[in-house]
Amino acid sequence: MTSKELLYVEDALGHEKFMKCCAKKTAGKLTDAKLIACMNDLESKHTELLNKFKNLL
């Protein structure tokens, strides 16, 4: 893996961690069950993407 590709993966890891955290925090603040479920789905999706990027390393 080139240094440029590694930088891309590191950047993507940071973005996925941020999005996962935002989804989790938002779900904790909501009261509507459908919106909470949606945010939990987003958190799961970003967790999955984060793990895929980690597997590249």
N, C-alpha and C. Protein backbone atom coordinates (compact mmCIF):
# COMPACT_ATOMS: atom_id res chain seq x y z
N MET A 1 0.85 -1.17 0.00
CA MET A 1 0.00 0.00 0.00
C MET A 1 0.90 1.24 0.00
N THR A 2 0.62 2.15 -0.90
CA THR A 2 1.43 3.36 -0.99
C THR A 2 1.08 4.30 0.17
N SER A 3 1.94 5.28 0.39
CA SER A 3 1.69 6.23 1.47
C SER A 3 0.43 7.05 1.19
N LYS A 4 0.15 7.34 -0.08
CA LYS A 4 -1.05 8.09 -0.43
C LYS A 4 -2.30 7.26 -0.13
N GLU A 5 -2.27 5.97 -0.44
CA GLU A 5 -3.40 5.10 -0.15
C GLU A 5 -3.60 4.96 1.36
N LEU A 6 -2.50 4.88 2.10
CA LEU A 6 -2.58 4.78 3.55
C LEU A 6 -3.22 6.04 4.14
N LEU A 7 -2.85 7.20 3.62
CA LEU A 7 -3.46 8.45 4.07
C LEU A 7 -4.96 8.46 3.80
N TYR A 8 -5.35 7.94 2.65
CA TYR A 8 -6.78 7.87 2.33
C TYR A 8 -7.51 6.97 3.32
N VAL A 9 -6.94 5.83 3.62
CA VAL A 9 -7.58 4.89 4.56
C VAL A 9 -7.66 5.52 5.95
N GLU A 10 -6.60 6.18 6.39
CA GLU A 10 -6.61 6.83 7.70
C GLU A 10 -7.69 7.92 7.75
N ASP A 11 -7.82 8.68 6.69
CA ASP A 11 -8.84 9.72 6.60
C ASP A 11 -10.23 9.10 6.64
N ALA A 12 -10.42 8.04 5.91
CA ALA A 12 -11.71 7.35 5.88
C ALA A 12 -12.05 6.78 7.26
N LEU A 13 -11.06 6.25 7.96
CA LEU A 13 -11.28 5.74 9.32
C LEU A 13 -11.78 6.86 10.24
N GLY A 14 -11.15 8.01 10.13
CA GLY A 14 -11.56 9.16 10.94
C GLY A 14 -12.98 9.59 10.65
N HIS A 15 -13.34 9.62 9.37
CA HIS A 15 -14.69 10.01 8.99
C HIS A 15 -15.72 9.01 9.50
N GLU A 16 -15.43 7.73 9.37
CA GLU A 16 -16.37 6.71 9.82
C GLU A 16 -16.54 6.73 11.34
N LYS A 17 -15.44 6.94 12.07
CA LYS A 17 -15.53 7.05 13.52
C LYS A 17 -16.41 8.23 13.91
N PHE A 18 -16.22 9.36 13.22
CA PHE A 18 -17.00 10.56 13.49
C PHE A 18 -18.48 10.33 13.21
N MET A 19 -18.79 9.72 12.08
CA MET A 19 -20.19 9.48 11.71
C MET A 19 -20.85 8.50 12.68
N LYS A 20 -20.12 7.47 13.09
CA LYS A 20 -20.63 6.50 14.05
C LYS A 20 -20.96 7.20 15.36
N CYS A 21 -20.06 8.05 15.82
CA CYS A 21 -20.25 8.78 17.08
C CYS A 21 -21.45 9.73 16.98
N CYS A 22 -21.57 10.43 15.86
CA CYS A 22 -22.70 11.35 15.67
C CYS A 22 -24.03 10.61 15.68
N ALA A 23 -24.09 9.48 15.02
CA ALA A 23 -25.33 8.70 14.97
C ALA A 23 -25.71 8.22 16.36
N LYS A 24 -24.72 7.77 17.13
CA LYS A 24 -24.98 7.27 18.48
C LYS A 24 -25.47 8.40 19.39
N LYS A 25 -24.80 9.54 19.33
CA LYS A 25 -25.20 10.68 20.17
C LYS A 25 -26.60 11.16 19.80
N THR A 26 -26.88 11.23 18.51
CA THR A 26 -28.19 11.70 18.06
C THR A 26 -29.29 10.74 18.50
N ALA A 27 -29.05 9.44 18.38
CA ALA A 27 -30.05 8.45 18.81
C ALA A 27 -30.36 8.60 20.29
N GLY A 28 -29.36 8.96 21.08
CA GLY A 28 -29.57 9.14 22.51
C GLY A 28 -30.41 10.35 22.86
N LYS A 29 -30.49 11.30 21.94
CA LYS A 29 -31.24 12.53 22.19
C LYS A 29 -32.67 12.48 21.65
N LEU A 30 -32.97 11.51 20.83
CA LEU A 30 -34.28 11.44 20.18
C LEU A 30 -35.30 10.72 21.05
N THR A 31 -36.58 11.00 20.77
CA THR A 31 -37.67 10.32 21.49
C THR A 31 -38.54 9.48 20.55
N ASP A 32 -38.51 9.80 19.26
CA ASP A 32 -39.32 9.07 18.29
C ASP A 32 -38.66 7.72 17.98
N ALA A 33 -39.40 6.65 18.16
CA ALA A 33 -38.86 5.30 17.99
C ALA A 33 -38.35 5.04 16.57
N LYS A 34 -39.05 5.55 15.57
CA LYS A 34 -38.62 5.33 14.19
C LYS A 34 -37.31 6.05 13.89
N LEU A 35 -37.18 7.26 14.41
CA LEU A 35 -35.93 8.00 14.20
C LEU A 35 -34.77 7.36 14.95
N ILE A 36 -35.05 6.87 16.15
CA ILE A 36 -34.01 6.17 16.91
C ILE A 36 -33.54 4.94 16.16
N ALA A 37 -34.49 4.19 15.61
CA ALA A 37 -34.14 3.00 14.84
C ALA A 37 -33.31 3.36 13.61
N CYS A 38 -33.67 4.45 12.97
CA CYS A 38 -32.93 4.92 11.80
C CYS A 38 -31.49 5.27 12.18
N MET A 39 -31.33 5.99 13.28
CA MET A 39 -29.98 6.37 13.72
C MET A 39 -29.18 5.15 14.15
N ASN A 40 -29.85 4.17 14.77
CA ASN A 40 -29.15 2.94 15.14
C ASN A 40 -28.70 2.17 13.90
N ASP A 41 -29.52 2.20 12.85
CA ASP A 41 -29.13 1.57 11.58
C ASP A 41 -27.92 2.27 10.98
N LEU A 42 -27.93 3.61 11.06
CA LEU A 42 -26.78 4.37 10.54
C LEU A 42 -25.52 4.07 11.33
N GLU A 43 -25.67 3.96 12.64
CA GLU A 43 -24.50 3.62 13.47
C GLU A 43 -23.95 2.25 13.08
N SER A 44 -24.84 1.29 12.87
CA SER A 44 -24.42 -0.05 12.46
C SER A 44 -23.71 -0.03 11.11
N LYS A 45 -24.25 0.75 10.18
CA LYS A 45 -23.65 0.85 8.84
C LYS A 45 -22.24 1.44 8.93
N HIS A 46 -22.09 2.49 9.73
CA HIS A 46 -20.78 3.12 9.85
C HIS A 46 -19.80 2.23 10.62
N THR A 47 -20.31 1.44 11.54
CA THR A 47 -19.46 0.47 12.23
C THR A 47 -18.96 -0.57 11.24
N GLU A 48 -19.85 -1.03 10.38
CA GLU A 48 -19.48 -2.00 9.34
C GLU A 48 -18.43 -1.42 8.40
N LEU A 49 -18.63 -0.19 7.97
CA LEU A 49 -17.66 0.46 7.08
C LEU A 49 -16.32 0.67 7.78
N LEU A 50 -16.37 1.05 9.06
CA LEU A 50 -15.15 1.23 9.83
C LEU A 50 -14.36 -0.07 9.90
N ASN A 51 -15.06 -1.16 10.15
CA ASN A 51 -14.38 -2.46 10.22
C ASN A 51 -13.80 -2.86 8.86
N LYS A 52 -14.49 -2.55 7.79
CA LYS A 52 -13.97 -2.87 6.45
C LYS A 52 -12.68 -2.10 6.17
N PHE A 53 -12.65 -0.82 6.55
CA PHE A 53 -11.44 -0.04 6.37
C PHE A 53 -10.30 -0.57 7.25
N LYS A 54 -10.62 -0.96 8.48
CA LYS A 54 -9.59 -1.51 9.37
C LYS A 54 -9.01 -2.79 8.80
N ASN A 55 -9.83 -3.58 8.12
CA ASN A 55 -9.36 -4.83 7.54
C ASN A 55 -8.39 -4.58 6.37
N LEU A 56 -8.44 -3.40 5.80
CA LEU A 56 -7.50 -3.08 4.72
C LEU A 56 -6.08 -2.93 5.27
N LEU A 57 -5.99 -2.58 6.54
CA LEU A 57 -4.68 -2.40 7.17
C LEU A 57 -4.16 -3.73 7.61
